[in-house]
Amino acid sequence: MDLKKEQQVVRLALVISIISGVGYVVFLSFDAPNSSNNALLGTEILFSGFGEITLFNPEQVTLFSTDIYQDTSLGYQVSKPNGNWEIHSVLNEMNSDELALLQAKGFLDGVYVEQNHDKRFIITVFDIQKENFSLHEYVDDIIESTESQNIEIPFEQVSSEADWAIFAMSSLDQDQYGEQLFVVKDNRLYMLLYSGASPESLSLEQKQDFQYIMESFEVI
């Protein structure tokens, strides 16, 4: 996997699906404590602009779990905060050329989590096509690519096991905010990406909804 080309592909997917005219996600500066182990064995607690996120503690899916989207073949799940949200495949809005470009870089599938056609969240899954893939290097390379774009990097965190990472970017030119959460498992790279308004400009209900989505994302 060529990291620079891979990131260009990911940004292409973002341009296609989420961001109008801006091919990156951005993040507001905040002071976040280090992640810590949850009382539940194997879980991790990390912090985003929307609040606390617990990883590796997936909600159990039952016949009554109408708001949970689960892809058992790719191994992830995410939940809708309520019935006003929708989840659907990114493939519905890609043409054949765009899809072929993504698939050549290991793209498997992805979904939008949206409300009123506002695609604030996208989840994508890639096969890692490099033997010695390093999540540390991957995140660092993305950050280095923003150095000439008037973007500051207030937050970057990679787990000690390098199996998850969250990082942040903040545009100095415009009110753009985003979060990017990565999980590596079974030679796949799972990415949850948010782009939109900063938490300070959101209503309490919006902020709670966004935190719920971030919290519900799990690799299973």
Protein backbone atom coordinates (compact mmCIF):
# COMPACT_ATOMS: atom_id res chain seq x y z
CA MET A 1 0.00 0.00 0.00
CA ASP A 2 1.48 3.35 -1.08
CA LEU A 3 0.55 5.56 1.87
CA LYS A 4 0.42 8.81 -0.07
CA LYS A 5 -1.74 7.29 -2.79
CA GLU A 6 -3.92 5.57 -0.21
CA GLN A 7 -4.56 8.87 1.56
CA GLN A 8 -5.36 10.54 -1.75
CA VAL A 9 -7.92 7.83 -2.36
CA VAL A 10 -9.43 8.29 1.09
CA ARG A 11 -9.63 12.04 0.53
CA LEU A 12 -11.22 11.39 -2.85
CA ALA A 13 -13.90 9.34 -1.12
CA LEU A 14 -14.43 12.22 1.29
CA VAL A 15 -14.69 14.75 -1.50
CA ILE A 16 -17.17 12.52 -3.30
CA SER A 17 -19.28 11.79 -0.29
CA ILE A 18 -18.98 14.33 2.49
CA ILE A 19 -17.13 17.56 2.02
CA SER A 20 -18.06 20.16 -0.55
CA GLY A 21 -14.81 21.44 -1.94
CA VAL A 22 -12.58 20.44 0.98
CA GLY A 23 -10.71 17.14 0.83
CA TYR A 24 -9.82 16.77 4.47
CA VAL A 25 -11.36 16.52 7.88
CA VAL A 26 -10.64 19.11 10.53
CA PHE A 27 -10.74 19.21 14.30
CA LEU A 28 -11.11 21.86 16.99
CA SER A 29 -8.39 22.17 19.59
CA PHE A 30 -9.12 20.81 23.04
CA ASP A 31 -7.19 19.36 25.92
CA ALA A 32 -7.86 15.64 26.17
CA PRO A 33 -6.55 13.28 28.80
CA ASN A 34 -4.74 10.13 27.78
CA SER A 35 -6.84 7.11 26.97
CA SER A 36 -7.28 4.62 29.77
CA ASN A 37 -8.37 1.05 30.17
CA ASN A 38 -12.01 0.61 31.05
CA ALA A 39 -13.07 -1.56 33.94
CA LEU A 40 -14.20 -4.05 31.32
CA LEU A 41 -11.22 -6.11 30.23
CA GLY A 42 -9.94 -5.19 26.80
CA THR A 43 -11.88 -1.97 26.34
CA GLU A 44 -10.29 1.42 25.74
CA ILE A 45 -11.58 4.86 26.65
CA LEU A 46 -10.57 7.79 24.47
CA PHE A 47 -11.83 11.32 24.09
CA SER A 48 -13.20 13.27 21.15
CA GLY A 49 -14.72 16.69 20.82
CA PHE A 50 -18.13 15.16 21.36
CA GLY A 51 -17.26 13.35 24.56
CA GLU A 52 -15.94 10.05 25.83
CA ILE A 53 -15.73 7.07 23.46
CA THR A 54 -15.39 3.45 24.52
CA LEU A 55 -13.79 1.05 22.05
CA PHE A 56 -13.91 -2.74 22.00
CA ASN A 57 -17.19 -2.97 23.89
CA PRO A 58 -19.78 -3.59 21.15
CA GLU A 59 -23.48 -3.54 21.86
CA GLN A 60 -25.10 -6.93 21.48
CA VAL A 61 -27.38 -7.18 18.45
CA THR A 62 -30.81 -8.74 18.96
CA LEU A 63 -34.01 -9.06 16.96
CA PHE A 64 -35.10 -5.76 18.50
CA SER A 65 -31.92 -3.85 17.56
CA THR A 66 -33.55 -1.81 14.81
CA ASP A 67 -31.11 1.11 15.04
CA ILE A 68 -27.91 -0.97 14.79
CA TYR A 69 -26.28 -1.51 11.42
CA GLN A 70 -24.00 -4.54 11.45
CA ASP A 71 -21.86 -5.85 8.60
CA THR A 72 -20.78 -9.29 9.71
CA SER A 73 -18.77 -9.99 6.56
CA LEU A 74 -16.56 -6.93 7.03
CA GLY A 75 -16.75 -7.05 10.81
CA TYR A 76 -18.07 -3.73 12.07
CA GLN A 77 -21.20 -2.12 13.42
CA VAL A 78 -22.57 1.36 14.04
CA SER A 79 -25.83 2.65 15.47
CA LYS A 80 -28.27 5.41 14.57
CA PRO A 81 -29.17 7.76 17.43
CA ASN A 82 -32.85 7.61 16.42
CA GLY A 83 -35.20 7.09 13.51
CA ASN A 84 -34.31 10.44 11.95
CA TRP A 85 -30.97 9.03 10.83
CA GLU A 86 -30.24 6.74 7.89
CA ILE A 87 -27.39 4.38 7.03
CA HIS A 88 -26.68 3.35 3.45
CA SER A 89 -23.84 2.16 1.28
CA VAL A 90 -21.37 4.60 -0.24
CA LEU A 91 -21.49 2.50 -3.39
CA ASN A 92 -24.86 4.05 -4.23
CA GLU A 93 -23.20 7.39 -4.99
CA MET A 94 -19.97 6.35 -6.70
CA ASN A 95 -19.57 5.98 -10.42
CA SER A 96 -17.66 3.05 -11.89
CA ASP A 97 -14.40 5.00 -12.31
CA GLU A 98 -14.42 6.23 -8.72
CA LEU A 99 -15.20 2.76 -7.43
CA ALA A 100 -12.48 1.16 -9.55
CA LEU A 101 -9.91 3.64 -8.22
CA LEU A 102 -10.87 2.89 -4.64
CA GLN A 103 -10.96 -0.86 -5.14
CA ALA A 104 -7.49 -0.80 -6.68
CA LYS A 105 -6.29 0.58 -3.34
CA GLY A 106 -7.99 -2.10 -1.29
CA PHE A 107 -11.39 -0.51 -0.71
CA LEU A 108 -13.97 -3.08 0.35
CA ASP A 109 -17.09 -1.11 1.25
CA GLY A 110 -18.42 1.69 3.36
CA VAL A 111 -21.53 3.43 4.63
CA TYR A 112 -22.80 6.90 5.31
CA VAL A 113 -24.51 7.78 8.56
CA GLU A 114 -26.64 10.77 7.66
CA GLN A 115 -29.57 12.90 8.72
CA ASN A 116 -31.71 14.79 6.21
CA HIS A 117 -29.18 14.01 3.45
CA ASP A 118 -26.42 15.62 5.53
CA LYS A 119 -23.55 13.15 5.28
CA ARG A 120 -21.61 14.04 8.41
CA PHE A 121 -20.15 10.55 8.93
CA ILE A 122 -18.60 7.98 6.64
CA ILE A 123 -17.21 4.56 7.52
CA THR A 124 -14.82 2.90 5.10
CA VAL A 125 -13.00 -0.43 5.20
CA PHE A 126 -9.76 -1.14 3.35
CA ASP A 127 -7.65 -4.24 2.95
CA ILE A 128 -4.14 -3.39 4.10
CA GLN A 129 -2.00 -4.18 1.08
CA LYS A 130 1.35 -3.63 2.74
CA GLU A 131 3.16 -6.27 4.79
CA ASN A 132 4.64 -3.91 7.37
CA PHE A 133 1.78 -1.45 7.74
CA SER A 134 2.28 1.00 10.62
CA LEU A 135 -0.67 2.99 11.93
CA HIS A 136 1.76 5.45 13.52
CA GLU A 137 3.38 6.12 10.15
CA TYR A 138 0.03 6.25 8.39
CA VAL A 139 -1.32 8.97 10.69
CA ASP A 140 1.97 10.88 10.66
CA ASP A 141 1.99 10.84 6.87
CA ILE A 142 -1.53 12.26 6.71
CA ILE A 143 -0.57 15.01 9.12
CA GLU A 144 2.62 15.85 7.23
CA SER A 145 0.59 16.23 4.03
CA THR A 146 -1.36 19.12 5.60
CA GLU A 147 1.64 21.30 6.46
CA SER A 148 1.10 23.72 3.57
CA GLN A 149 -2.68 23.94 3.93
CA ASN A 150 -3.08 26.33 6.89
CA ILE A 151 -4.14 23.52 9.16
CA GLU A 152 -3.10 22.98 12.74
CA ILE A 153 -2.90 19.60 14.44
CA PRO A 154 -4.08 20.05 18.02
CA PHE A 155 -4.54 16.39 18.80
CA GLU A 156 -3.08 13.05 17.75
CA GLN A 157 -3.23 9.80 19.67
CA VAL A 158 -2.24 6.27 18.71
CA SER A 159 -2.68 3.35 21.08
CA SER A 160 0.35 1.62 22.53
CA GLU A 161 -0.61 -1.49 20.56
CA ALA A 162 -1.11 0.59 17.41
CA ASP A 163 -4.52 -0.98 16.90
CA TRP A 164 -6.46 2.29 17.04
CA ALA A 165 -5.82 5.98 16.56
CA ILE A 166 -7.73 9.23 16.69
CA PHE A 167 -6.45 12.53 15.38
CA ALA A 168 -7.62 16.05 14.80
CA MET A 169 -7.19 18.92 12.40
CA SER A 170 -8.36 22.52 12.56
CA SER A 171 -8.50 24.86 9.60
CA LEU A 172 -7.03 28.29 10.24
CA ASP A 173 -8.92 29.85 7.33
CA GLN A 174 -12.49 28.71 7.86
CA ASP A 175 -14.80 27.12 10.38
CA GLN A 176 -14.12 23.48 9.52
CA TYR A 177 -13.95 20.70 12.06
CA GLY A 178 -13.50 16.95 11.93
CA GLU A 179 -12.43 13.78 13.64
CA GLN A 180 -10.84 10.68 12.20
CA LEU A 181 -10.89 7.39 14.09
CA PHE A 182 -8.95 4.35 12.86
CA VAL A 183 -9.06 0.74 13.99
CA VAL A 184 -6.74 -1.96 12.62
CA LYS A 185 -7.83 -5.58 12.84
CA ASP A 186 -7.25 -8.74 10.79
CA ASN A 187 -5.23 -6.90 8.16
CA ARG A 188 -8.00 -4.37 7.57
CA LEU A 189 -8.08 -0.65 8.20
CA TYR A 190 -11.43 0.63 9.48
CA MET A 191 -12.03 4.36 9.36
CA LEU A 192 -14.79 6.48 10.87
CA LEU A 193 -14.65 10.06 9.65
CA TYR A 194 -16.65 13.10 10.72
CA SER A 195 -16.60 16.49 9.04
CA GLY A 196 -18.75 19.46 9.88
CA ALA A 197 -19.37 22.05 12.54
CA SER A 198 -17.39 22.21 15.76
CA PRO A 199 -19.00 20.94 18.97
CA GLU A 200 -19.28 24.49 20.33
CA SER A 201 -21.57 25.49 17.47
CA LEU A 202 -23.85 22.47 17.81
CA SER A 203 -26.99 22.20 19.85
CA LEU A 204 -26.89 19.86 22.83
CA GLU A 205 -29.05 17.37 20.93
CA GLN A 206 -26.74 17.41 17.91
CA LYS A 207 -23.66 16.96 20.04
CA GLN A 208 -25.25 14.03 21.86
CA ASP A 209 -26.25 12.42 18.56
CA PHE A 210 -22.73 12.76 17.15
CA GLN A 211 -21.16 11.39 20.32
CA TYR A 212 -23.59 8.47 20.18
CA ILE A 213 -22.50 7.60 16.65
CA MET A 214 -18.82 7.81 17.52
CA GLU A 215 -19.39 5.71 20.63
CA SER A 216 -21.40 3.07 18.76
CA PHE A 217 -18.79 2.40 16.08
CA GLU A 218 -17.13 -0.94 16.78
CA VAL A 219 -14.99 -3.44 14.93
CA ILE A 220 -16.31 -6.89 15.80
